Amino acid sequence: MSQMTLIKQRTPDQLVRLAQTLDAALEQEGDIVTRLRMIAKAVPGRIAFSTSLGLEDQALLHALGESAIDVDVFTLDTGRHFPETLDLLDRSNMRYRRTVGAIRVVAPDAAETEVLISRDGVMGFRASVEARKACCDVRKVRPLNRSLEGAAVWLTGLRRSQSAGRRSVGFAEYDPSFQLIKVNPLADWSLDWLEAYVGQHSVPVNALHEKGYPSIGCQPCTRATQPGEEIRAGRWWWENEDGKECGLHVPVRDAGRSTGDGPNAPVVTTNKRKTETEGAGA
């Protein structure tokens, strides 16, 4: 019997309990590499990691290389990325191909994209929140859905201190829409911890972070932030600040969580790289 058959034979209640057990175990473990190995051991089947190439996902990519676990790494090419993001994709493949494998590039369906542009125009996403979410749906959400089919674990770089909407992010939870366990091994990391880890291991990062872009998405939907603004203020900046998400990460639960100030900070041995930048994940 295959590992995928084992995970699919479990009932939703069993998967919820498995996620709760894993969540509690990851909360007690502070080392990121050990956390990744715990995930692979606890849940049989394919581990899928959708990387946005932000700081969090780059740190996670590096840790995956050190963990030596089997993982399917892919990125969503929306067709609207900054050149700097595509350059980082190339550099990341060169750095981690031997330890993690090549990063698969997943593109939106051509016919769906043509229909979207024909209906809304090339820049139609600026017309309304609904139009913007329709663009995200075709270019990001649907490709993600296809890529997660058959996966047992969806690995993400979400952190609690990224935004108000992510403060309740857990380490592991059952996602009923995909019938898999969604795992966020960096959930309790602060920005300081993240930057220290990236600096210590010389992890490749997007050149735009040094140009005032803490959170990087599609080029037409991202601007540099101003001093004092929230980390994600440059994403879809023409919209209301509340709940600016693309639809990839829909909260499964809302529970009281710490926001990256807990006892399990990753151990680092170099000075922290003090910047205002942060890759905001998807």
Protein backbone atom coordinates (compact mmCIF):
# COMPACT_ATOMS: atom_id res chain seq x y z
CA MET A 1 0.00 0.00 0.00
CA SER A 2 1.43 3.39 -1.03
CA GLN A 3 1.98 6.28 1.39
CA MET A 4 -0.53 8.36 -0.57
CA THR A 5 -3.16 5.63 -0.16
CA LEU A 6 -2.50 5.61 3.59
CA ILE A 7 -3.10 9.34 3.95
CA LYS A 8 -6.20 9.33 1.72
CA GLN A 9 -7.72 6.43 3.66
CA ARG A 10 -7.77 8.52 6.82
CA THR A 11 -11.00 10.30 7.65
CA PRO A 12 -11.12 14.08 8.02
CA ASP A 13 -11.41 13.65 11.80
CA GLN A 14 -8.28 11.50 11.83
CA LEU A 15 -6.40 14.08 9.77
CA VAL A 16 -7.54 16.85 12.11
CA ARG A 17 -6.18 14.91 15.07
CA LEU A 18 -2.93 14.17 13.23
CA ALA A 19 -2.53 17.88 12.44
CA GLN A 20 -3.23 18.81 16.07
CA THR A 21 -0.62 16.33 17.31
CA LEU A 22 1.94 17.64 14.81
CA ASP A 23 1.10 21.24 15.68
CA ALA A 24 1.78 20.62 19.36
CA ALA A 25 5.03 18.79 18.63
CA LEU A 26 6.36 21.54 16.34
CA GLU A 27 5.50 24.16 18.96
CA GLN A 28 7.94 22.46 21.33
CA GLU A 29 10.80 22.15 18.83
CA GLY A 30 12.85 25.24 17.99
CA ASP A 31 15.22 23.94 15.29
CA ILE A 32 13.87 24.40 11.77
CA VAL A 33 15.70 21.42 10.24
CA THR A 34 14.42 19.14 13.00
CA ARG A 35 10.91 20.50 12.44
CA LEU A 36 11.07 19.59 8.76
CA ARG A 37 12.22 16.07 9.53
CA MET A 38 9.42 15.72 12.08
CA ILE A 39 6.88 16.71 9.41
CA ALA A 40 8.19 14.14 6.93
CA LYS A 41 8.14 11.42 9.59
CA ALA A 42 4.66 12.26 10.90
CA VAL A 43 2.77 12.47 7.61
CA PRO A 44 3.25 9.87 4.85
CA GLY A 45 2.96 11.02 1.26
CA ARG A 46 4.07 13.86 -0.99
CA ILE A 47 5.20 17.10 0.64
CA ALA A 48 4.50 20.05 -1.65
CA PHE A 49 6.22 23.39 -1.10
CA SER A 50 4.93 26.38 -3.06
CA THR A 51 7.65 29.03 -2.86
CA SER A 52 7.04 32.71 -3.54
CA LEU A 53 10.82 33.32 -3.36
CA GLY A 54 10.30 35.75 -0.48
CA LEU A 55 12.62 35.82 2.53
CA GLU A 56 10.60 33.22 4.42
CA ASP A 57 10.45 30.80 1.54
CA GLN A 58 14.13 31.26 0.75
CA ALA A 59 15.00 30.46 4.37
CA LEU A 60 12.75 27.43 4.19
CA LEU A 61 14.34 26.33 0.92
CA HIS A 62 17.76 26.45 2.56
CA ALA A 63 16.55 24.47 5.56
CA LEU A 64 14.98 21.87 3.27
CA GLY A 65 18.37 21.37 1.65
CA GLU A 66 19.89 20.70 5.06
CA SER A 67 17.07 18.40 6.14
CA ALA A 68 17.50 15.99 3.20
CA ILE A 69 13.76 15.19 3.15
CA ASP A 70 11.96 14.50 -0.12
CA VAL A 71 9.90 17.52 -1.16
CA ASP A 72 8.23 18.75 -4.35
CA VAL A 73 9.21 22.44 -4.70
CA PHE A 74 7.37 24.63 -7.17
CA THR A 75 6.70 28.31 -7.80
CA LEU A 76 3.76 30.04 -9.46
CA ASP A 77 4.83 32.05 -12.49
CA THR A 78 1.94 34.47 -12.92
CA GLY A 79 3.43 36.03 -16.03
CA ARG A 80 3.67 39.39 -14.22
CA HIS A 81 6.77 38.93 -12.05
CA PHE A 82 9.57 41.48 -11.60
CA PRO A 83 12.78 40.65 -13.51
CA GLU A 84 14.53 40.55 -10.12
CA THR A 85 12.20 37.75 -9.01
CA LEU A 86 13.00 35.68 -12.09
CA ASP A 87 16.70 36.31 -11.50
CA LEU A 88 16.32 35.02 -7.93
CA LEU A 89 14.58 31.90 -9.23
CA ASP A 90 17.59 31.19 -11.44
CA ARG A 91 20.08 31.81 -8.63
CA SER A 92 18.08 29.61 -6.25
CA ASN A 93 18.05 26.75 -8.72
CA MET A 94 21.80 27.03 -9.12
CA ARG A 95 22.33 27.04 -5.34
CA TYR A 96 19.87 24.33 -4.26
CA ARG A 97 19.36 22.03 -7.24
CA ARG A 98 21.68 19.37 -5.80
CA THR A 99 20.20 19.37 -2.29
CA VAL A 100 16.51 20.03 -2.96
CA GLY A 101 16.04 19.48 -6.69
CA ALA A 102 14.94 21.86 -9.42
CA ILE A 103 12.15 24.30 -8.59
CA ARG A 104 9.21 23.50 -10.85
CA VAL A 105 7.65 26.50 -12.58
CA VAL A 106 3.84 26.35 -12.71
CA ALA A 107 2.08 28.65 -15.16
CA PRO A 108 -1.61 29.65 -15.34
CA ASP A 109 -3.84 28.03 -17.93
CA ALA A 110 -3.39 29.90 -21.22
CA ALA A 111 -7.07 29.75 -22.21
CA GLU A 112 -8.23 30.99 -18.79
CA THR A 113 -5.72 33.84 -18.94
CA GLU A 114 -6.89 34.87 -22.41
CA VAL A 115 -10.51 34.94 -21.24
CA LEU A 116 -9.54 37.03 -18.20
CA ILE A 117 -7.64 39.63 -20.25
CA SER A 118 -10.31 39.73 -22.94
CA ARG A 119 -12.96 40.45 -20.31
CA ASP A 120 -11.11 42.76 -17.89
CA GLY A 121 -8.18 44.12 -19.89
CA VAL A 122 -4.46 43.93 -19.15
CA MET A 123 -4.77 46.21 -16.09
CA GLY A 124 -8.37 45.43 -15.22
CA PHE A 125 -7.47 44.25 -11.74
CA ARG A 126 -7.27 47.91 -10.66
CA ALA A 127 -11.01 48.41 -11.28
CA SER A 128 -12.26 46.67 -8.15
CA VAL A 129 -11.34 44.20 -5.44
CA GLU A 130 -13.45 41.61 -7.23
CA ALA A 131 -11.55 42.15 -10.49
CA ARG A 132 -8.20 41.90 -8.69
CA LYS A 133 -9.23 38.69 -6.96
CA ALA A 134 -10.38 37.28 -10.29
CA CYS A 135 -6.89 37.95 -11.68
CA CYS A 136 -5.28 36.29 -8.64
CA ASP A 137 -7.64 33.37 -9.01
CA VAL A 138 -6.60 32.65 -12.60
CA ARG A 139 -2.89 33.39 -12.22
CA LYS A 140 -2.26 31.98 -8.72
CA VAL A 141 -5.10 30.13 -7.00
CA ARG A 142 -6.09 27.75 -9.79
CA PRO A 143 -2.47 26.81 -10.65
CA LEU A 144 -1.87 26.18 -6.94
CA ASN A 145 -4.96 23.99 -6.74
CA ARG A 146 -3.72 21.87 -9.62
CA SER A 147 -0.25 21.58 -8.13
CA LEU A 148 -1.51 20.46 -4.74
CA GLU A 149 -3.63 17.63 -6.11
CA GLY A 150 -2.53 14.36 -4.48
CA ALA A 151 -0.27 16.03 -1.91
CA ALA A 152 -0.37 14.96 1.75
CA VAL A 153 1.36 18.10 3.10
CA TRP A 154 1.33 21.68 1.91
CA LEU A 155 4.42 23.43 3.24
CA THR A 156 4.36 27.25 3.47
CA GLY A 157 6.49 30.09 4.83
CA LEU A 158 3.68 31.88 6.66
CA ARG A 159 4.63 33.70 9.87
CA ARG A 160 2.37 35.09 12.58
CA SER A 161 4.03 38.52 12.61
CA GLN A 162 3.69 39.11 8.85
CA SER A 163 0.31 40.80 9.17
CA ALA A 164 -2.75 41.12 11.38
CA GLY A 165 -4.54 38.52 9.30
CA ARG A 166 -1.83 35.94 9.98
CA ARG A 167 -1.45 36.34 13.74
CA SER A 168 -3.38 33.13 14.43
CA VAL A 169 -1.37 30.97 12.01
CA GLY A 170 -0.64 27.57 13.53
CA PHE A 171 2.19 25.16 12.82
CA ALA A 172 -0.09 22.51 11.37
CA GLU A 173 -3.78 22.31 10.52
CA TYR A 174 -6.05 20.19 8.40
CA ASP A 175 -7.16 22.00 5.25
CA PRO A 176 -10.53 20.53 4.21
CA SER A 177 -10.54 22.22 0.80
CA PHE A 178 -7.44 20.26 -0.26
CA GLN A 179 -7.88 17.32 2.14
CA LEU A 180 -4.30 17.66 3.30
CA ILE A 181 -2.31 19.00 6.22
CA LYS A 182 -1.03 22.54 5.81
CA VAL A 183 2.20 23.12 7.73
CA ASN A 184 3.85 26.45 8.54
CA PRO A 185 7.21 25.59 10.17
CA LEU A 186 8.24 29.27 10.46
CA ALA A 187 5.00 30.33 12.17
CA ASP A 188 6.69 31.64 15.33
CA TRP A 189 9.69 33.30 13.67
CA SER A 190 10.07 37.05 14.06
CA LEU A 191 11.55 39.26 11.33
CA ASP A 192 14.77 39.53 13.35
CA TRP A 193 15.10 35.74 13.55
CA LEU A 194 14.41 35.42 9.84
CA GLU A 195 16.95 38.04 8.78
CA ALA A 196 19.57 36.55 11.11
CA TYR A 197 19.06 33.08 9.60
CA VAL A 198 19.25 34.42 6.03
CA GLY A 199 22.41 36.37 6.83
CA GLN A 200 24.10 33.54 8.69
CA HIS A 201 23.62 31.09 5.81
CA SER A 202 24.11 33.57 2.94
CA VAL A 203 20.71 32.64 1.54
CA PRO A 204 20.07 34.27 -1.87
CA VAL A 205 17.37 36.97 -1.71
CA ASN A 206 15.51 39.28 -4.06
CA ALA A 207 17.48 42.43 -4.92
CA LEU A 208 14.27 44.45 -4.53
CA HIS A 209 14.38 44.00 -0.75
CA GLU A 210 17.22 46.52 -0.65
CA LYS A 211 15.17 48.97 -2.73
CA GLY A 212 12.26 49.35 -0.33
CA TYR A 213 10.19 46.33 -1.32
CA PRO A 214 9.62 44.26 1.86
CA SER A 215 6.77 42.24 0.32
CA ILE A 216 6.99 41.31 -3.35
CA GLY A 217 4.22 40.03 -5.56
CA CYS A 218 3.38 40.68 -9.19
CA GLN A 219 5.04 43.80 -10.63
CA PRO A 220 1.85 45.79 -11.41
CA CYS A 221 0.50 45.04 -7.93
CA THR A 222 3.57 45.89 -5.84
CA ARG A 223 5.20 49.20 -4.94
CA ALA A 224 7.98 50.15 -2.55
CA THR A 225 6.85 51.05 0.96
CA GLN A 226 7.44 54.29 2.79
CA PRO A 227 9.03 54.61 6.28
CA GLY A 228 6.49 53.68 8.94
CA GLU A 229 4.20 51.73 6.62
CA GLU A 230 3.14 48.14 7.29
CA ILE A 231 5.23 45.42 5.65
CA ARG A 232 2.47 44.53 3.17
CA ALA A 233 1.40 48.13 2.49
CA GLY A 234 2.95 47.97 -0.98
CA ARG A 235 0.76 45.04 -2.04
CA TRP A 236 -2.44 46.10 -3.87
CA TRP A 237 -1.87 49.55 -2.33
CA TRP A 238 -5.00 51.02 -3.92
CA GLU A 239 -7.20 48.74 -1.77
CA ASN A 240 -8.29 48.96 1.87
CA GLU A 241 -5.57 47.77 4.25
CA ASP A 242 -7.79 45.16 5.92
CA GLY A 243 -7.53 41.60 4.66
CA LYS A 244 -5.36 42.13 1.59
CA GLU A 245 -4.77 38.54 0.47
CA CYS A 246 -4.70 36.90 -2.94
CA GLY A 247 -6.75 33.85 -1.96
CA LEU A 248 -3.93 31.34 -1.58
CA HIS A 249 -4.02 31.36 2.21
CA VAL A 250 -7.54 31.27 3.63
CA PRO A 251 -7.61 30.96 7.44
CA VAL A 252 -8.82 27.53 8.51
CA ARG A 253 -9.16 28.50 12.16
CA ASP A 254 -8.74 31.47 14.45
CA ALA A 255 -7.03 30.72 17.76
CA GLY A 256 -4.92 32.73 20.15
CA ARG A 257 -1.27 32.47 19.16
CA SER A 258 1.97 34.16 20.02
CA THR A 259 3.32 36.47 17.32
CA GLY A 260 6.93 35.41 17.09
CA ASP A 261 8.09 36.30 20.59
CA GLY A 262 7.98 32.81 22.09
CA PRO A 263 10.80 30.77 23.65
CA ASN A 264 11.81 28.80 20.56
CA ALA A 265 13.86 31.35 18.63
CA PRO A 266 16.23 29.73 16.13
CA VAL A 267 19.84 29.68 17.25
CA VAL A 268 22.05 32.03 15.21
CA THR A 269 25.70 32.90 15.59
CA THR A 270 26.06 36.08 13.53
CA ASN A 271 24.88 39.64 13.95
CA LYS A 272 21.33 40.21 12.76
CA ARG A 273 20.98 42.02 9.44
CA LYS A 274 18.86 44.99 10.45
CA THR A 275 16.60 45.99 7.61
CA GLU A 276 12.97 46.79 7.10
CA THR A 277 12.59 44.08 4.47
CA GLU A 278 10.52 40.95 4.55
CA GLY A 279 9.35 38.51 1.92
CA ALA A 280 5.66 38.14 2.62
CA GLY A 281 5.11 34.73 1.16
CA ALA A 282 2.35 34.29 -1.34
